């Protein structure tokens, strides 16, 4: 038997939809503010934990898969609210391109009664768009680093420029024991 919904959450009316959206936003916002289960909140405040997750999402979108996967493993410590943690887990998996695991997370959200929540709907649309895009299928790999062999070789020949070939001006008028000349006096003038 499902628990009864609070009276303020009536569905089907404009007021009910607005209340549902506000409650869903409150759930997401407050997800970082309840105490973390592994005492993470003792050394990271809610805003810092939220920034870490946001950076993981942004990084995953830009190919920083290794870092995003580390934060993915730490999500239960960073986000103690189970439904919010599951939604963020799905979002990170989608950003990483791991659509099959993300679909499992969304199925779990549906099993917990969150299937019609706006967050779940956005995640479902994002998942469908990711699956439809052939460039985002499969787990994203970090962008390849250009090989050194692809770079043009450095010239091993000496510089042929007249500036390089010109001998340093001699200072015959100054004595060799004089230390008052600056080091710039031996540079060729351009």
Protein backbone atom coordinates (compact mmCIF):
# COMPACT_ATOMS: atom_id res chain seq x y z
CA UNK A 1 0.00 0.00 0.00
CA UNK A 2 1.36 3.41 -0.99
CA UNK A 3 1.51 6.20 1.58
CA UNK A 4 -1.10 8.91 1.19
CA UNK A 5 0.05 12.11 -0.47
CA UNK A 6 -0.15 15.34 1.51
CA UNK A 7 -3.29 17.34 0.87
CA UNK A 8 -1.30 20.14 -0.80
CA UNK A 9 -0.16 17.79 -3.57
CA UNK A 10 -3.30 17.53 -5.62
CA UNK A 11 -2.71 16.56 -9.21
CA UNK A 12 -4.60 17.60 -12.31
CA UNK A 13 -5.07 21.24 -11.42
CA UNK A 14 -2.80 24.16 -12.23
CA UNK A 15 -2.23 24.72 -8.51
CA UNK A 16 -1.43 21.04 -8.03
CA UNK A 17 1.13 21.05 -10.86
CA UNK A 18 2.83 24.15 -9.47
CA UNK A 19 2.94 22.58 -6.00
CA UNK A 20 4.38 19.37 -7.42
CA UNK A 21 7.11 21.28 -9.30
CA UNK A 22 7.96 23.31 -6.19
CA UNK A 23 8.11 20.16 -4.04
CA UNK A 24 10.35 18.45 -6.59
CA UNK A 25 12.67 21.48 -6.66
CA UNK A 26 12.74 21.52 -2.85
CA UNK A 27 13.68 17.83 -2.85
CA UNK A 28 16.59 18.48 -5.21
CA UNK A 29 17.76 21.58 -3.36
CA UNK A 30 17.50 19.96 0.06
CA UNK A 31 19.21 16.77 -1.09
CA UNK A 32 22.61 18.25 -0.26
CA UNK A 33 21.49 19.79 3.04
CA UNK A 34 20.56 16.71 5.03
CA UNK A 35 23.45 15.11 6.89
CA UNK A 36 25.52 12.72 4.81
CA UNK A 37 25.53 9.09 5.85
CA UNK A 38 29.32 8.74 5.90
CA UNK A 39 30.03 11.93 7.87
CA UNK A 40 31.02 13.78 4.70
CA UNK A 41 29.00 16.72 5.98
CA UNK A 42 31.50 17.13 8.83
CA UNK A 43 34.21 18.24 6.44
CA UNK A 44 32.23 19.35 3.35
CA UNK A 45 29.26 21.69 3.62
CA UNK A 46 26.18 21.28 1.42
CA UNK A 47 27.23 23.95 -1.09
CA UNK A 48 30.65 22.35 -1.59
CA UNK A 49 29.15 18.90 -2.11
CA UNK A 50 26.71 20.39 -4.63
CA UNK A 51 29.57 22.09 -6.51
CA UNK A 52 31.47 18.80 -6.69
CA UNK A 53 28.51 17.06 -8.30
CA UNK A 54 27.88 19.97 -10.69
CA UNK A 55 31.54 19.94 -11.76
CA UNK A 56 31.35 16.19 -12.32
CA UNK A 57 28.37 16.67 -14.62
CA UNK A 58 30.08 19.46 -16.54
CA UNK A 59 33.30 17.47 -16.74
CA UNK A 60 31.54 14.36 -17.99
CA UNK A 61 29.92 16.42 -20.74
CA UNK A 62 33.36 17.61 -21.81
CA UNK A 63 35.11 14.24 -21.82
CA UNK A 64 36.57 14.11 -18.30
CA UNK A 65 35.32 10.58 -17.79
CA UNK A 66 37.84 9.42 -15.19
CA UNK A 67 37.13 12.28 -12.80
CA UNK A 68 33.38 11.98 -13.29
CA UNK A 69 33.51 8.24 -12.54
CA UNK A 70 35.37 8.89 -9.28
CA UNK A 71 32.67 11.34 -8.20
CA UNK A 72 30.02 8.88 -9.42
CA UNK A 73 31.35 6.38 -6.89
CA UNK A 74 31.27 9.01 -4.15
CA UNK A 75 27.68 10.16 -4.80
CA UNK A 76 26.13 8.27 -1.86
CA UNK A 77 28.51 10.13 0.47
CA UNK A 78 27.89 13.47 -1.22
CA UNK A 79 24.11 13.24 -1.63
CA UNK A 80 22.36 11.51 1.28
CA UNK A 81 18.83 11.86 -0.15
CA UNK A 82 18.31 8.54 -1.96
CA UNK A 83 16.03 9.68 -4.80
CA UNK A 84 18.17 12.73 -5.52
CA UNK A 85 21.31 10.58 -5.43
CA UNK A 86 19.73 8.12 -7.85
CA UNK A 87 18.70 10.93 -10.21
CA UNK A 88 22.18 12.46 -10.12
CA UNK A 89 23.67 9.00 -10.66
CA UNK A 90 21.51 8.64 -13.78
CA UNK A 91 22.50 12.13 -14.96
CA UNK A 92 26.21 11.38 -14.59
CA UNK A 93 25.80 8.08 -16.42
CA UNK A 94 23.97 9.82 -19.27
CA UNK A 95 26.68 12.48 -19.44
CA UNK A 96 29.29 9.72 -19.60
CA UNK A 97 27.33 8.02 -22.39
CA UNK A 98 26.54 4.90 -20.34
CA UNK A 99 22.90 4.78 -21.40
CA UNK A 100 22.13 1.21 -20.32
CA UNK A 101 23.19 1.86 -16.71
CA UNK A 102 21.33 5.20 -16.77
CA UNK A 103 18.18 3.40 -17.90
CA UNK A 104 18.51 1.06 -14.89
CA UNK A 105 18.70 4.10 -12.58
CA UNK A 106 15.59 5.61 -14.16
CA UNK A 107 13.78 2.29 -13.76
CA UNK A 108 14.72 2.33 -10.07
CA UNK A 109 13.40 5.90 -9.76
CA UNK A 110 10.13 4.74 -11.31
CA UNK A 111 9.96 1.84 -8.86
CA UNK A 112 10.29 4.35 -6.02
CA UNK A 113 7.32 6.34 -7.32
CA UNK A 114 9.35 9.11 -8.96
CA UNK A 115 8.51 8.22 -12.58
CA UNK A 116 6.39 11.34 -13.15
CA UNK A 117 8.64 13.76 -11.29
CA UNK A 118 9.90 16.60 -13.51
CA UNK A 119 13.50 15.58 -12.80
CA UNK A 120 12.85 12.03 -14.00
CA UNK A 121 11.09 13.36 -17.11
CA UNK A 122 14.05 15.59 -17.99
CA UNK A 123 16.46 12.71 -17.44
CA UNK A 124 14.32 10.42 -19.60
CA UNK A 125 14.28 12.98 -22.46
CA UNK A 126 18.04 13.50 -22.15
CA UNK A 127 18.59 9.74 -22.20
CA UNK A 128 16.44 9.36 -25.33
CA UNK A 129 18.34 12.19 -27.05
CA UNK A 130 21.67 10.64 -26.09
CA UNK A 131 20.63 7.23 -27.39
CA UNK A 132 19.43 8.78 -30.65
CA UNK A 133 22.74 10.61 -31.23
CA UNK A 134 25.20 8.21 -32.89
CA UNK A 135 28.19 10.27 -31.74
CA UNK A 136 27.27 9.79 -28.06
CA UNK A 137 26.60 6.04 -28.06
CA UNK A 138 28.67 3.97 -25.69
CA UNK A 139 30.84 5.16 -22.86
CA UNK A 140 32.68 8.36 -23.69
CA UNK A 141 36.45 8.17 -23.74
CA UNK A 142 38.65 11.10 -22.82
CA UNK A 143 39.64 13.12 -25.86
CA UNK A 144 42.86 11.79 -27.36
CA UNK A 145 46.07 13.70 -26.82
CA UNK A 146 47.80 14.62 -30.08
CA UNK A 147 50.80 12.41 -30.75
CA UNK A 148 54.20 14.02 -30.86
CA UNK A 149 54.82 12.33 -34.23
CA UNK A 150 51.95 14.36 -35.67
CA UNK A 151 53.74 17.57 -34.74
CA UNK A 152 56.16 19.07 -37.31
CA UNK A 153 59.78 18.24 -36.47
CA UNK A 154 61.93 20.95 -34.98
CA UNK A 155 64.62 22.32 -37.25
CA UNK A 156 68.00 20.95 -36.34
CA UNK A 157 69.82 23.41 -38.59
CA UNK A 158 71.24 26.59 -37.09
CA UNK A 159 69.28 29.76 -37.53
CA UNK A 160 69.93 31.39 -40.92
CA UNK A 161 68.53 34.75 -39.92
CA UNK A 162 70.90 37.73 -40.33
CA UNK A 163 70.25 38.63 -36.70
CA UNK A 164 71.40 35.19 -35.52
CA UNK A 165 74.39 35.11 -37.89
CA UNK A 166 75.64 38.61 -37.03
CA UNK A 167 78.60 38.62 -34.69
CA UNK A 168 78.15 40.30 -31.37
CA UNK A 169 79.35 43.91 -31.47
CA UNK A 170 82.78 44.28 -29.97
CA UNK A 171 83.41 46.88 -27.37
CA UNK A 172 87.05 47.64 -28.11
CA UNK A 173 86.92 51.03 -26.47
CA UNK A 174 85.91 49.61 -23.10
CA UNK A 175 88.46 47.78 -21.03
CA UNK A 176 87.93 44.13 -20.25
CA UNK A 177 88.28 44.82 -16.55
CA UNK A 178 85.36 47.24 -16.56
CA UNK A 179 82.32 45.68 -14.94
CA UNK A 180 80.05 48.64 -15.54
CA UNK A 181 78.78 47.38 -18.91
CA UNK A 182 75.40 45.73 -18.79
CA UNK A 183 74.63 42.30 -20.16
CA UNK A 184 72.35 43.83 -22.80
CA UNK A 185 75.26 45.57 -24.50
CA UNK A 186 76.33 42.32 -26.16
CA UNK A 187 72.92 41.73 -27.76
CA UNK A 188 72.53 42.65 -31.43
CA UNK A 189 70.32 45.63 -32.07
CA UNK A 190 67.21 44.97 -34.10
